[in-house]
PDB file of N, CA and C in Angstrom:
ATOM      1  N   MET A   1     -19.035 -21.088  10.871  1.00  0.00           N
ATOM      2  CA  MET A   1     -17.843 -20.379  11.931  1.00  0.00           C
ATOM      3  C   MET A   1     -18.534 -19.738  13.001  1.00  0.00           C
ATOM      4  N   ALA A   2     -17.401 -19.969  13.800  1.00  0.00           N
ATOM      5  CA  ALA A   2     -18.133 -19.522  16.040  1.00  0.00           C
ATOM      6  C   ALA A   2     -17.672 -18.334  15.881  1.00  0.00           C
ATOM      7  N   THR A   3     -18.960 -17.621  16.206  1.00  0.00           N
ATOM      8  CA  THR A   3     -18.531 -16.241  17.300  1.00  0.00           C
ATOM      9  C   THR A   3     -18.245 -16.125  18.372  1.00  0.00           C
ATOM     10  N   ARG A   4     -17.440 -14.625  19.186  1.00  0.00           N
ATOM     11  CA  ARG A   4     -17.993 -14.823  20.252  1.00  0.00           C
ATOM     12  C   ARG A   4     -17.402 -13.052  20.850  1.00  0.00           C
ATOM     13  N   GLU A   5     -18.153 -12.898  22.022  1.00  0.00           N
ATOM     14  CA  GLU A   5     -17.834 -11.205  22.536  1.00  0.00           C
ATOM     15  C   GLU A   5     -16.645 -11.506  22.808  1.00  0.00           C
ATOM     16  N   ILE A   6     -16.017 -10.057  22.246  1.00  0.00           N
ATOM     17  CA  ILE A   6     -14.437  -9.952  23.510  1.00  0.00           C
ATOM     18  C   ILE A   6     -14.208  -8.434  23.299  1.00  0.00           C
ATOM     19  N   ALA A   7     -14.025  -8.003  24.586  1.00  0.00           N
ATOM     20  CA  ALA A   7     -14.131  -6.738  24.265  1.00  0.00           C
ATOM     21  C   ALA A   7     -15.856  -5.335  24.105  1.00  0.00           C
ATOM     22  N   GLY A   8     -16.436  -6.366  24.715  1.00  0.00           N
ATOM     23  CA  GLY A   8     -17.498  -6.116  23.512  1.00  0.00           C
ATOM     24  C   GLY A   8     -18.059  -6.032  22.396  1.00  0.00           C
ATOM     25  N   LYS A   9     -17.599  -6.352  21.585  1.00  0.00           N
ATOM     26  CA  LYS A   9     -17.652  -6.225  20.687  1.00  0.00           C
ATOM     27  C   LYS A   9     -17.491  -7.813  20.434  1.00  0.00           C
ATOM     28  N   ILE A  10     -18.578  -8.477  19.361  1.00  0.00           N
ATOM     29  CA  ILE A  10     -18.922  -9.723  18.610  1.00  0.00           C
ATOM     30  C   ILE A  10     -18.178  -9.860  17.124  1.00  0.00           C
ATOM     31  N   VAL A  11     -17.208 -11.377  17.827  1.00  0.00           N
ATOM     32  CA  VAL A  11     -15.515 -11.490  16.311  1.00  0.00           C
ATOM     33  C   VAL A  11     -15.586 -12.618  15.714  1.00  0.00           C
ATOM     34  N   HIS A  12     -15.418 -13.445  14.589  1.00  0.00           N
ATOM     35  CA  HIS A  12     -15.392 -14.436  13.751  1.00  0.00           C
ATOM     36  C   HIS A  12     -14.132 -15.082  14.152  1.00  0.00           C
ATOM     37  N   VAL A  13     -14.215 -15.730  14.881  1.00  0.00           N
ATOM     38  CA  VAL A  13     -12.773 -17.046  15.583  1.00  0.00           C
ATOM     39  C   VAL A  13     -13.160 -18.869  15.330  1.00  0.00           C
ATOM     40  N   ASN A  14     -11.840 -19.043  14.716  1.00  0.00           N
ATOM     41  CA  ASN A  14     -12.261 -19.888  14.367  1.00  0.00           C
ATOM     42  C   ASN A  14     -11.994 -21.310  15.511  1.00  0.00           C
ATOM     43  N   GLU A  15     -11.746 -22.540  15.566  1.00  0.00           N
ATOM     44  CA  GLU A  15     -11.662 -23.772  16.854  1.00  0.00           C
ATOM     45  C   GLU A  15     -11.028 -23.330  17.713  1.00  0.00           C
ATOM     46  N   GLU A  16      -9.315 -22.224  17.374  1.00  0.00           N
ATOM     47  CA  GLU A  16      -8.214 -22.763  18.505  1.00  0.00           C
ATOM     48  C   GLU A  16      -8.178 -20.471  18.304  1.00  0.00           C
ATOM     49  N   GLY A  17      -9.600 -20.091  18.392  1.00  0.00           N
ATOM     50  CA  GLY A  17      -9.813 -18.753  19.106  1.00  0.00           C
ATOM     51  C   GLY A  17      -9.164 -17.855  18.724  1.00  0.00           C
ATOM     52  N   PHE A  18      -8.595 -18.026  17.563  1.00  0.00           N
ATOM     53  CA  PHE A  18      -7.355 -17.174  16.532  1.00  0.00           C
ATOM     54  C   PHE A  18      -9.252 -16.531  15.736  1.00  0.00           C
ATOM     55  N   LEU A  19      -8.584 -15.042  15.547  1.00  0.00           N
ATOM     56  CA  LEU A  19     -10.055 -14.416  15.067  1.00  0.00           C
ATOM     57  C   LEU A  19      -9.516 -14.719  13.233  1.00  0.00           C
ATOM     58  N   THR A  20     -10.917 -14.730  12.768  1.00  0.00           N
ATOM     59  CA  THR A  20     -10.703 -15.470  10.575  1.00  0.00           C
ATOM     60  C   THR A  20     -10.899 -13.948  10.189  1.00  0.00           C
ATOM     61  N   ASP A  21     -10.968 -12.883  10.643  1.00  0.00           N
ATOM     62  CA  ASP A  21     -10.749 -11.587  10.391  1.00  0.00           C
ATOM     63  C   ASP A  21     -10.735 -10.489  10.871  1.00  0.00           C
ATOM     64  N   PRO A  22      -9.248 -10.209   9.885  1.00  0.00           N
ATOM     65  CA  PRO A  22      -8.492  -9.294  11.170  1.00  0.00           C
ATOM     66  C   PRO A  22      -9.492  -7.483  11.301  1.00  0.00           C
ATOM     67  N   SER A  23     -10.274  -7.536  10.321  1.00  0.00           N
ATOM     68  CA  SER A  23     -10.446  -6.187  10.391  1.00  0.00           C
ATOM     69  C   SER A  23     -11.500  -5.854  11.694  1.00  0.00           C
ATOM     70  N   GLU A  24     -12.058  -6.937  11.920  1.00  0.00           N
ATOM     71  CA  GLU A  24     -12.318  -6.920  13.055  1.00  0.00           C
ATOM     72  C   GLU A  24     -11.780  -6.690  14.587  1.00  0.00           C
ATOM     73  N   TRP A  25     -10.607  -6.695  14.250  1.00  0.00           N
ATOM     74  CA  TRP A  25      -9.570  -6.497  15.521  1.00  0.00           C
ATOM     75  C   TRP A  25      -9.498  -4.873  16.192  1.00  0.00           C
ATOM     76  N   ASN A  26      -9.801  -5.045  17.700  1.00  0.00           N
ATOM     77  CA  ASN A  26      -8.943  -3.423  17.947  1.00  0.00           C
ATOM     78  C   ASN A  26      -7.822  -3.373  18.732  1.00  0.00           C
ATOM     79  N   ARG A  27      -7.576  -2.644  19.407  1.00  0.00           N
ATOM     80  CA  ARG A  27      -6.543  -2.575  20.486  1.00  0.00           C
ATOM     81  C   ARG A  27      -7.592  -3.217  22.022  1.00  0.00           C
ATOM     82  N   ASP A  28      -8.958  -2.883  22.207  1.00  0.00           N
ATOM     83  CA  ASP A  28      -9.563  -3.368  22.989  1.00  0.00           C
ATOM     84  C   ASP A  28      -9.018  -5.371  22.687  1.00  0.00           C
ATOM     85  N   ILE A  29     -10.145  -5.196  22.309  1.00  0.00           N
ATOM     86  CA  ILE A  29      -9.325  -6.288  22.260  1.00  0.00           C
ATOM     87  C   ILE A  29      -8.396  -7.303  22.416  1.00  0.00           C
ATOM     88  N   ALA A  30      -6.963  -6.169  21.554  1.00  0.00           N
ATOM     89  CA  ALA A  30      -5.742  -7.295  21.551  1.00  0.00           C
ATOM     90  C   ALA A  30      -5.381  -7.566  23.948  1.00  0.00           C
ATOM     91  N   ILE A  31      -6.035  -6.702  24.429  1.00  0.00           N
ATOM     92  CA  ILE A  31      -5.731  -6.593  25.344  1.00  0.00           C
ATOM     93  C   ILE A  31      -6.711  -7.449  26.326  1.00  0.00           C
ATOM     94  N   GLU A  32      -7.374  -8.257  25.744  1.00  0.00           N
ATOM     95  CA  GLU A  32      -7.999  -8.686  26.873  1.00  0.00           C
ATOM     96  C   GLU A  32      -7.621 -10.036  26.468  1.00  0.00           C
ATOM     97  N   LEU A  33      -7.044 -10.598  24.841  1.00  0.00           N
ATOM     98  CA  LEU A  33      -6.561 -11.472  24.514  1.00  0.00           C
ATOM     99  C   LEU A  33      -4.903 -11.903  24.838  1.00  0.00           C
ATOM    100  N   ALA A  34      -4.323 -11.058  25.211  1.00  0.00           N
ATOM    101  CA  ALA A  34      -2.928 -10.888  26.074  1.00  0.00           C
ATOM    102  C   ALA A  34      -3.648 -11.742  27.238  1.00  0.00           C
ATOM    103  N   LYS A  35      -4.281 -11.414  28.101  1.00  0.00           N
ATOM    104  CA  LYS A  35      -4.924 -11.790  29.560  1.00  0.00           C
ATOM    105  C   LYS A  35      -4.897 -12.685  29.181  1.00  0.00           C
ATOM    106  N   GLU A  36      -5.935 -13.427  28.003  1.00  0.00           N
ATOM    107  CA  GLU A  36      -6.495 -14.875  28.666  1.00  0.00           C
ATOM    108  C   GLU A  36      -4.820 -15.477  27.778  1.00  0.00           C
ATOM    109  N   GLU A  37      -4.165 -15.094  27.486  1.00  0.00           N
ATOM    110  CA  GLU A  37      -2.755 -15.565  26.999  1.00  0.00           C
ATOM    111  C   GLU A  37      -2.068 -15.575  28.781  1.00  0.00           C
ATOM    112  N   GLY A  38      -1.724 -14.342  29.146  1.00  0.00           N
ATOM    113  CA  GLY A  38      -1.792 -14.984  30.524  1.00  0.00           C
ATOM    114  C   GLY A  38      -0.888 -13.979  30.465  1.00  0.00           C
ATOM    115  N   ILE A  39      -0.746 -12.609  29.631  1.00  0.00           N
ATOM    116  CA  ILE A  39      -0.140 -11.014  29.690  1.00  0.00           C
ATOM    117  C   ILE A  39      -0.809 -10.473  29.769  1.00  0.00           C
ATOM    118  N   PRO A  40      -0.364  -9.809  31.354  1.00  0.00           N
ATOM    119  CA  PRO A  40      -1.015  -9.091  31.972  1.00  0.00           C
ATOM    120  C   PRO A  40      -1.546  -7.378  32.118  1.00  0.00           C
ATOM    121  N   GLU A  41      -0.319  -7.432  30.549  1.00  0.00           N
ATOM    122  CA  GLU A  41      -0.672  -5.753  30.453  1.00  0.00           C
ATOM    123  C   GLU A  41       0.839  -5.618  28.959  1.00  0.00           C
ATOM    124  N   LEU A  42      -0.234  -4.931  27.617  1.00  0.00           N
ATOM    125  CA  LEU A  42       0.582  -4.861  26.504  1.00  0.00           C
ATOM    126  C   LEU A  42       1.922  -3.776  27.310  1.00  0.00           C
ATOM    127  N   THR A  43       2.822  -3.863  27.063  1.00  0.00           N
ATOM    128  CA  THR A  43       3.626  -2.835  27.153  1.00  0.00           C
ATOM    129  C   THR A  43       4.546  -2.599  25.963  1.00  0.00           C
ATOM    130  N   PRO A  44       4.824  -1.075  25.533  1.00  0.00           N
ATOM    131  CA  PRO A  44       5.218  -0.441  24.565  1.00  0.00           C
ATOM    132  C   PRO A  44       5.983  -1.565  23.433  1.00  0.00           C
ATOM    133  N   ALA A  45       6.751  -2.020  24.634  1.00  0.00           N
ATOM    134  CA  ALA A  45       7.865  -2.742  23.801  1.00  0.00           C
ATOM    135  C   ALA A  45       6.633  -4.528  22.776  1.00  0.00           C
ATOM    136  N   HIS A  46       5.292  -4.763  23.558  1.00  0.00           N
ATOM    137  CA  HIS A  46       4.434  -5.793  23.183  1.00  0.00           C
ATOM    138  C   HIS A  46       4.043  -5.043  21.308  1.00  0.00           C
ATOM    139  N   TRP A  47       3.355  -3.566  22.300  1.00  0.00           N
ATOM    140  CA  TRP A  47       3.102  -2.899  20.618  1.00  0.00           C
ATOM    141  C   TRP A  47       3.116  -2.492  19.697  1.00  0.00           C
ATOM    142  N   LYS A  48       4.949  -3.011  19.632  1.00  0.00           N
ATOM    143  CA  LYS A  48       5.905  -2.811  18.503  1.00  0.00           C
ATOM    144  C   LYS A  48       5.492  -3.772  17.486  1.00  0.00           C
ATOM    145  N   ILE A  49       6.015  -5.366  18.757  1.00  0.00           N
ATOM    146  CA  ILE A  49       5.749  -6.480  18.147  1.00  0.00           C
ATOM    147  C   ILE A  49       4.672  -6.453  17.628  1.00  0.00           C
ATOM    148  N   ILE A  50       3.076  -6.211  17.901  1.00  0.00           N
ATOM    149  CA  ILE A  50       2.475  -6.896  17.356  1.00  0.00           C
ATOM    150  C   ILE A  50       1.601  -5.466  16.647  1.00  0.00           C
ATOM    151  N   GLU A  51       2.274  -3.940  15.868  1.00  0.00           N
ATOM    152  CA  GLU A  51       1.737  -3.341  15.559  1.00  0.00           C
ATOM    153  C   GLU A  51       2.635  -3.976  14.150  1.00  0.00           C
ATOM    154  N   PHE A  52       4.187  -4.639  14.558  1.00  0.00           N
ATOM    155  CA  PHE A  52       4.853  -5.120  12.695  1.00  0.00           C
ATOM    156  C   PHE A  52       3.333  -5.973  12.565  1.00  0.00           C
ATOM    157  N   CYS A  53       3.467  -7.084  13.287  1.00  0.00           N
ATOM    158  CA  CYS A  53       2.894  -7.760  12.717  1.00  0.00           C
ATOM    159  C   CYS A  53       1.537  -7.726  12.415  1.00  0.00           C
ATOM    160  N   ARG A  54       0.853  -6.659  13.072  1.00  0.00           N
ATOM    161  CA  ARG A  54      -0.017  -6.532  11.779  1.00  0.00           C
ATOM    162  C   ARG A  54       0.193  -5.539  10.589  1.00  0.00           C
ATOM    163  N   GLN A  55       1.119  -4.999  10.086  1.00  0.00           N
ATOM    164  CA  GLN A  55       0.944  -4.477   9.084  1.00  0.00           C
ATOM    165  C   GLN A  55       2.433  -5.408   8.212  1.00  0.00           C
ATOM    166  N   ASP A  56       2.819  -6.972   8.558  1.00  0.00           N
ATOM    167  CA  ASP A  56       3.362  -7.520   8.059  1.00  0.00           C
ATOM    168  C   ASP A  56       2.497  -8.501   7.656  1.00  0.00           C
ATOM    169  N   ALA A  57       1.395  -9.318   8.571  1.00  0.00           N
ATOM    170  CA  ALA A  57       0.418  -9.533   7.142  1.00  0.00           C
ATOM    171  C   ALA A  57      -0.326  -9.198   6.862  1.00  0.00           C
ATOM    172  N   GLY A  58      -0.760  -7.492   6.721  1.00  0.00           N
ATOM    173  CA  GLY A  58      -1.412  -7.268   5.582  1.00  0.00           C
ATOM    174  C   GLY A  58      -0.774  -7.366   3.838  1.00  0.00           C
ATOM    175  N   ALA A  59       0.841  -6.687   4.459  1.00  0.00           N
ATOM    176  CA  ALA A  59       1.292  -7.233   3.684  1.00  0.00           C
ATOM    177  C   ALA A  59       1.709  -8.301   2.642  1.00  0.00           C
ATOM    178  N   THR A  60       2.236  -9.695   3.331  1.00  0.00           N
ATOM    179  CA  THR A  60       2.388 -10.581   2.780  1.00  0.00           C
ATOM    180  C   THR A  60       0.874 -12.002   3.448  1.00  0.00           C
ATOM    181  N   GLY A  61      -0.384 -11.428   3.847  1.00  0.00           N
ATOM    182  CA  GLY A  61      -1.446 -12.238   3.947  1.00  0.00           C
ATOM    183  C   GLY A  61      -0.979 -13.728   4.999  1.00  0.00           C
ATOM    184  N   LYS A  62      -0.451 -13.221   5.921  1.00  0.00           N
ATOM    185  CA  LYS A  62      -0.108 -14.473   6.598  1.00  0.00           C
ATOM    186  C   LYS A  62       0.702 -13.437   7.956  1.00  0.00           C
ATOM    187  N   ALA A  63       0.536 -14.568   8.909  1.00  0.00           N
ATOM    188  CA  ALA A  63       0.471 -13.947   9.898  1.00  0.00           C
ATOM    189  C   ALA A  63       2.469 -14.588   9.793  1.00  0.00           C
ATOM    190  N   PRO A  64       3.449 -13.315  10.744  1.00  0.00           N
ATOM    191  CA  PRO A  64       4.725 -13.908  10.489  1.00  0.00           C
ATOM    192  C   PRO A  64       5.105 -14.961  11.373  1.00  0.00           C
ATOM    193  N   THR A  65       5.914 -15.461  10.754  1.00  0.00           N
ATOM    194  CA  THR A  65       6.641 -16.562  11.772  1.00  0.00           C
ATOM    195  C   THR A  65       7.498 -16.061  12.903  1.00  0.00           C
ATOM    196  N   LEU A  66       7.890 -16.586  13.313  1.00  0.00           N
ATOM    197  CA  LEU A  66       9.288 -16.159  14.815  1.00  0.00           C
ATOM    198  C   LEU A  66      10.154 -15.759  14.631  1.00  0.00           C
ATOM    199  N   ARG A  67      11.114 -16.499  13.520  1.00  0.00           N
ATOM    200  CA  ARG A  67      12.004 -15.583  12.585  1.00  0.00           C
ATOM    201  C   ARG A  67      12.134 -14.483  11.673  1.00  0.00           C
ATOM    202  N   ARG A  68      10.673 -14.799  11.022  1.00  0.00           N
ATOM    203  CA  ARG A  68      10.644 -13.236  10.254  1.00  0.00           C
ATOM    204  C   ARG A  68      10.199 -11.970  11.436  1.00  0.00           C
ATOM    205  N   ILE A  69       9.556 -12.350  12.369  1.00  0.00           N
ATOM    206  CA  ILE A  69       9.285 -11.215  13.419  1.00  0.00           C
ATOM    207  C   ILE A  69      11.048 -11.164  13.660  1.00  0.00           C
ATOM    208  N   SER A  70      11.485 -11.319  14.441  1.00  0.00           N
ATOM    209  CA  SER A  70      12.554 -11.587  15.490  1.00  0.00           C
ATOM    210  C   SER A  70      13.627 -10.837  14.050  1.00  0.00           C
ATOM    211  N   THR A  71      13.447 -11.210  12.858  1.00  0.00           N
ATOM    212  CA  THR A  71      14.572 -10.369  11.895  1.00  0.00           C
ATOM    213  C   THR A  71      14.351  -8.980  11.430  1.00  0.00           C
ATOM    214  N   MET A  72      13.266  -8.979  11.036  1.00  0.00           N
ATOM    215  CA  MET A  72      12.472  -7.784  10.275  1.00  0.00           C
ATOM    216  C   MET A  72      11.960  -6.860  11.460  1.00  0.00           C
ATOM    217  N   ALA A  73      11.566  -6.678  12.791  1.00  0.00           N
ATOM    218  CA  ALA A  73      11.295  -6.283  13.716  1.00  0.00           C
ATOM    219  C   ALA A  73      12.496  -5.602  14.289  1.00  0.00           C
ATOM    220  N   GLY A  74      13.629  -6.341  14.308  1.00  0.00           N
ATOM    221  CA  GLY A  74      14.657  -6.231  15.298  1.00  0.00           C
ATOM    222  C   GLY A  74      14.375  -6.579  16.325  1.00  0.00           C
ATOM    223  N   VAL A  75      13.898  -7.602  16.790  1.00  0.00           N
ATOM    224  CA  VAL A  75      13.805  -8.134  18.267  1.00  0.00           C
ATOM    225  C   VAL A  75      14.882  -9.288  18.643  1.00  0.00           C
ATOM    226  N   SER A  76      14.847  -9.803  19.862  1.00  0.00           N
ATOM    227  CA  SER A  76      15.818 -11.047  19.562  1.00  0.00           C
ATOM    228  C   SER A  76      14.633 -12.199  20.450  1.00  0.00           C
ATOM    229  N   THR A  77      14.975 -13.050  19.624  1.00  0.00           N
ATOM    230  CA  THR A  77      14.227 -14.421  19.812  1.00  0.00           C
ATOM    231  C   THR A  77      13.900 -14.720  21.745  1.00  0.00           C
ATOM    232  N   LYS A  78      15.102 -14.298  22.382  1.00  0.00           N
ATOM    233  CA  LYS A  78      14.964 -14.321  23.574  1.00  0.00           C
ATOM    234  C   LYS A  78      14.225 -13.192  24.403  1.00  0.00           C
ATOM    235  N   GLU A  79      14.109 -11.904  23.334  1.00  0.00           N
ATOM    236  CA  GLU A  79      13.086 -11.798  24.190  1.00  0.00           C
ATOM    237  C   GLU A  79      11.730 -11.298  23.878  1.00  0.00           C
ATOM    238  N   LEU A  80      11.691 -12.290  22.448  1.00  0.00           N
ATOM    239  CA  LEU A  80      10.773 -12.514  22.022  1.00  0.00           C
ATOM    240  C   LEU A  80       9.729 -13.718  23.076  1.00  0.00           C
ATOM    241  N   PHE A  81       9.939 -14.806  23.619  1.00  0.00           N
ATOM    242  CA  PHE A  81       9.465 -15.388  24.594  1.00  0.00           C
ATOM    243  C   PHE A  81       9.690 -14.694  26.007  1.00  0.00           C
ATOM    244  N   ALA A  82      11.051 -13.548  25.951  1.00  0.00           N
ATOM    245  CA  ALA A  82       9.749 -12.912  27.977  1.00  0.00           C
ATOM    246  C   ALA A  82       8.945 -11.966  27.484  1.00  0.00           C
ATOM    247  N   LEU A  83       8.711 -11.805  26.279  1.00  0.00           N
ATOM    248  CA  LEU A  83       7.546 -10.782  26.345  1.00  0.00           C
ATOM    249  C   LEU A  83       5.734 -11.084  26.124  1.00  0.00           C
ATOM    250  N   PHE A  84       6.121 -12.572  25.096  1.00  0.00           N
ATOM    251  CA  PHE A  84       4.923 -13.895  25.201  1.00  0.00           C
ATOM    252  C   PHE A  84       5.989 -14.717  25.026  1.00  0.00           C
ATOM    253  N   PRO A  85       5.147 -15.722  26.450  1.00  0.00           N
ATOM    254  CA  PRO A  85       5.913 -16.624  26.487  1.00  0.00           C
ATOM    255  C   PRO A  85       5.362 -17.766  25.864  1.00  0.00           C
ATOM    256  N   LYS A  86       6.370 -19.277  25.831  1.00  0.00           N
ATOM    257  CA  LYS A  86       6.031 -20.304  25.496  1.00  0.00           C
ATOM    258  C   LYS A  86       4.680 -19.660  24.407  1.00  0.00           C
ATOM    259  N   GLY A  87       5.683 -19.918  23.324  1.00  0.00           N
ATOM    260  CA  GLY A  87       4.958 -19.819  21.971  1.00  0.00           C
ATOM    261  C   GLY A  87       4.997 -18.439  21.242  1.00  0.00           C
ATOM    262  N   PRO A  88       5.838 -17.672  21.467  1.00  0.00           N
ATOM    263  CA  PRO A  88       5.907 -16.405  21.179  1.00  0.00           C
ATOM    264  C   PRO A  88       4.804 -16.077  19.721  1.00  0.00           C
ATOM    265  N   ALA A  89       5.477 -16.699  18.714  1.00  0.00           N
ATOM    266  CA  ALA A  89       5.170 -16.220  17.283  1.00  0.00           C
ATOM    267  C   ALA A  89       3.224 -16.903  16.809  1.00  0.00           C
ATOM    268  N   LYS A  90       3.050 -17.427  17.639  1.00  0.00           N
ATOM    269  CA  LYS A  90       1.766 -18.098  18.096  1.00  0.00           C
ATOM    270  C   LYS A  90       0.514 -17.231  19.075  1.00  0.00           C
ATOM    271  N   LYS A  91       1.245 -16.734  20.053  1.00  0.00           N
ATOM    272  CA  LYS A  91       0.870 -15.673  20.701  1.00  0.00           C
ATOM    273  C   LYS A  91       0.565 -14.602  20.768  1.00  0.00           C
ATOM    274  N   VAL A  92       1.571 -14.080  19.465  1.00  0.00           N
ATOM    275  CA  VAL A  92       1.476 -12.598  18.827  1.00  0.00           C
ATOM    276  C   VAL A  92      -0.042 -12.736  17.891  1.00  0.00           C
ATOM    277  N   ALA A  93       0.248 -13.207  17.433  1.00  0.00           N
ATOM    278  CA  ALA A  93      -0.021 -13.884  15.648  1.00  0.00           C
ATOM    279  C   ALA A  93      -1.932 -13.668  16.759  1.00  0.00           C
ATOM    280  N   LYS A  94      -2.001 -14.365  17.848  1.00  0.00           N
ATOM    281  CA  LYS A  94      -3.341 -14.645  18.276  1.00  0.00           C
ATOM    282  C   LYS A  94      -3.856 -12.737  18.675  1.00  0.00           C
ATOM    283  N   ILE A  95      -3.433 -12.662  19.360  1.00  0.00           N
ATOM    284  CA  ILE A  95      -3.463 -11.395  20.255  1.00  0.00           C
ATOM    285  C   ILE A  95      -3.562  -9.963  19.338  1.00  0.00           C
ATOM    286  N   ALA A  96      -2.615 -10.550  17.898  1.00  0.00           N
ATOM    287  CA  ALA A  96      -2.547  -9.588  16.904  1.00  0.00           C
ATOM    288  C   ALA A  96      -3.873  -9.562  15.893  1.00  0.00           C
ATOM    289  N   GLY A  97      -5.132 -10.618  16.538  1.00  0.00           N
ATOM    290  CA  GLY A  97      -6.244 -10.518  15.767  1.00  0.00           C
ATOM    291  C   GLY A  97      -5.986 -11.615  14.213  1.00  0.00           C
ATOM    292  N   LEU A  98      -4.302 -11.853  13.985  1.00  0.00           N
ATOM    293  CA  LEU A  98      -4.288 -12.722  12.998  1.00  0.00           C
ATOM    294  C   LEU A  98      -4.266 -14.018  12.778  1.00  0.00           C
ATOM    295  N   GLY A  99      -3.905 -14.631  12.393  1.00  0.00           N
ATOM    296  CA  GLY A  99      -4.377 -16.624  11.837  1.00  0.00           C
ATOM    297  C   GLY A  99      -2.871 -16.867  12.241  1.00  0.00           C
ATOM    298  N   LYS A 100      -3.352 -18.024  12.962  1.00  0.00           N
ATOM    299  CA  LYS A 100      -1.877 -18.721  13.025  1.00  0.00           C
ATOM    300  C   LYS A 100      -0.627 -19.117  12.601  1.00  0.00           C
ATOM    301  N   PRO A 101       0.212 -18.407  12.721  1.00  0.00           N
ATOM    302  CA  PRO A 101       1.550 -18.420  12.365  1.00  0.00           C
ATOM    303  C   PRO A 101       1.356 -20.173  10.969  1.00  0.00           C
ATOM    304  N   GLU A 102       1.656 -20.052   9.777  1.00  0.00           N
ATOM    305  CA  GLU A 102       2.616 -21.329   9.066  1.00  0.00           C
ATOM    306  C   GLU A 102       3.731 -21.752  10.277  1.00  0.00           C
ATOM    307  N   GLY A 103       3.984 -23.417  10.305  1.00  0.00           N
ATOM    308  CA  GLY A 103       4.832 -24.112  10.921  1.00  0.00           C
ATOM    309  C   GLY A 103       3.750 -24.220  13.110  1.00  0.00           C
ATOM    310  N   CYS A 104       3.160 -23.570  13.359  1.00  0.00           N
ATOM    311  CA  CYS A 104       2.911 -23.252  14.675  1.00  0.00           C
ATOM    312  C   CYS A 104       2.299 -24.642  14.941  1.00  0.00           C
ATOM    313  N   VAL A 105       2.290 -25.337  15.884  1.00  0.00           N
ATOM    314  CA  VAL A 105       1.244 -26.237  16.228  1.00  0.00           C
ATOM    315  C   VAL A 105       0.575 -25.905  16.915  1.00  0.00           C
TER     316      VAL A 105
END
């Protein structure tokens, strides 16, 4: 399993760059991953979704899908695409330190 340094911390990642151990995640890592994904700043709206995804994954054992995020977090699909362009479920899962959601290519 590969490792890399993000925000001064060594973390385990898979071949696509997703953290393989969510307990290694912290907010500084999220900020750096967001920048890599083309999101220069995480706003309170971003954090609301990131925190929902981390809580949901903790309860279900897997990263939530786009439909689950929009339904359960009360955020429209349009807003998700505005906050996390080009594949919001996959991007938010990566930034939140979770595995790739099921159904994402």
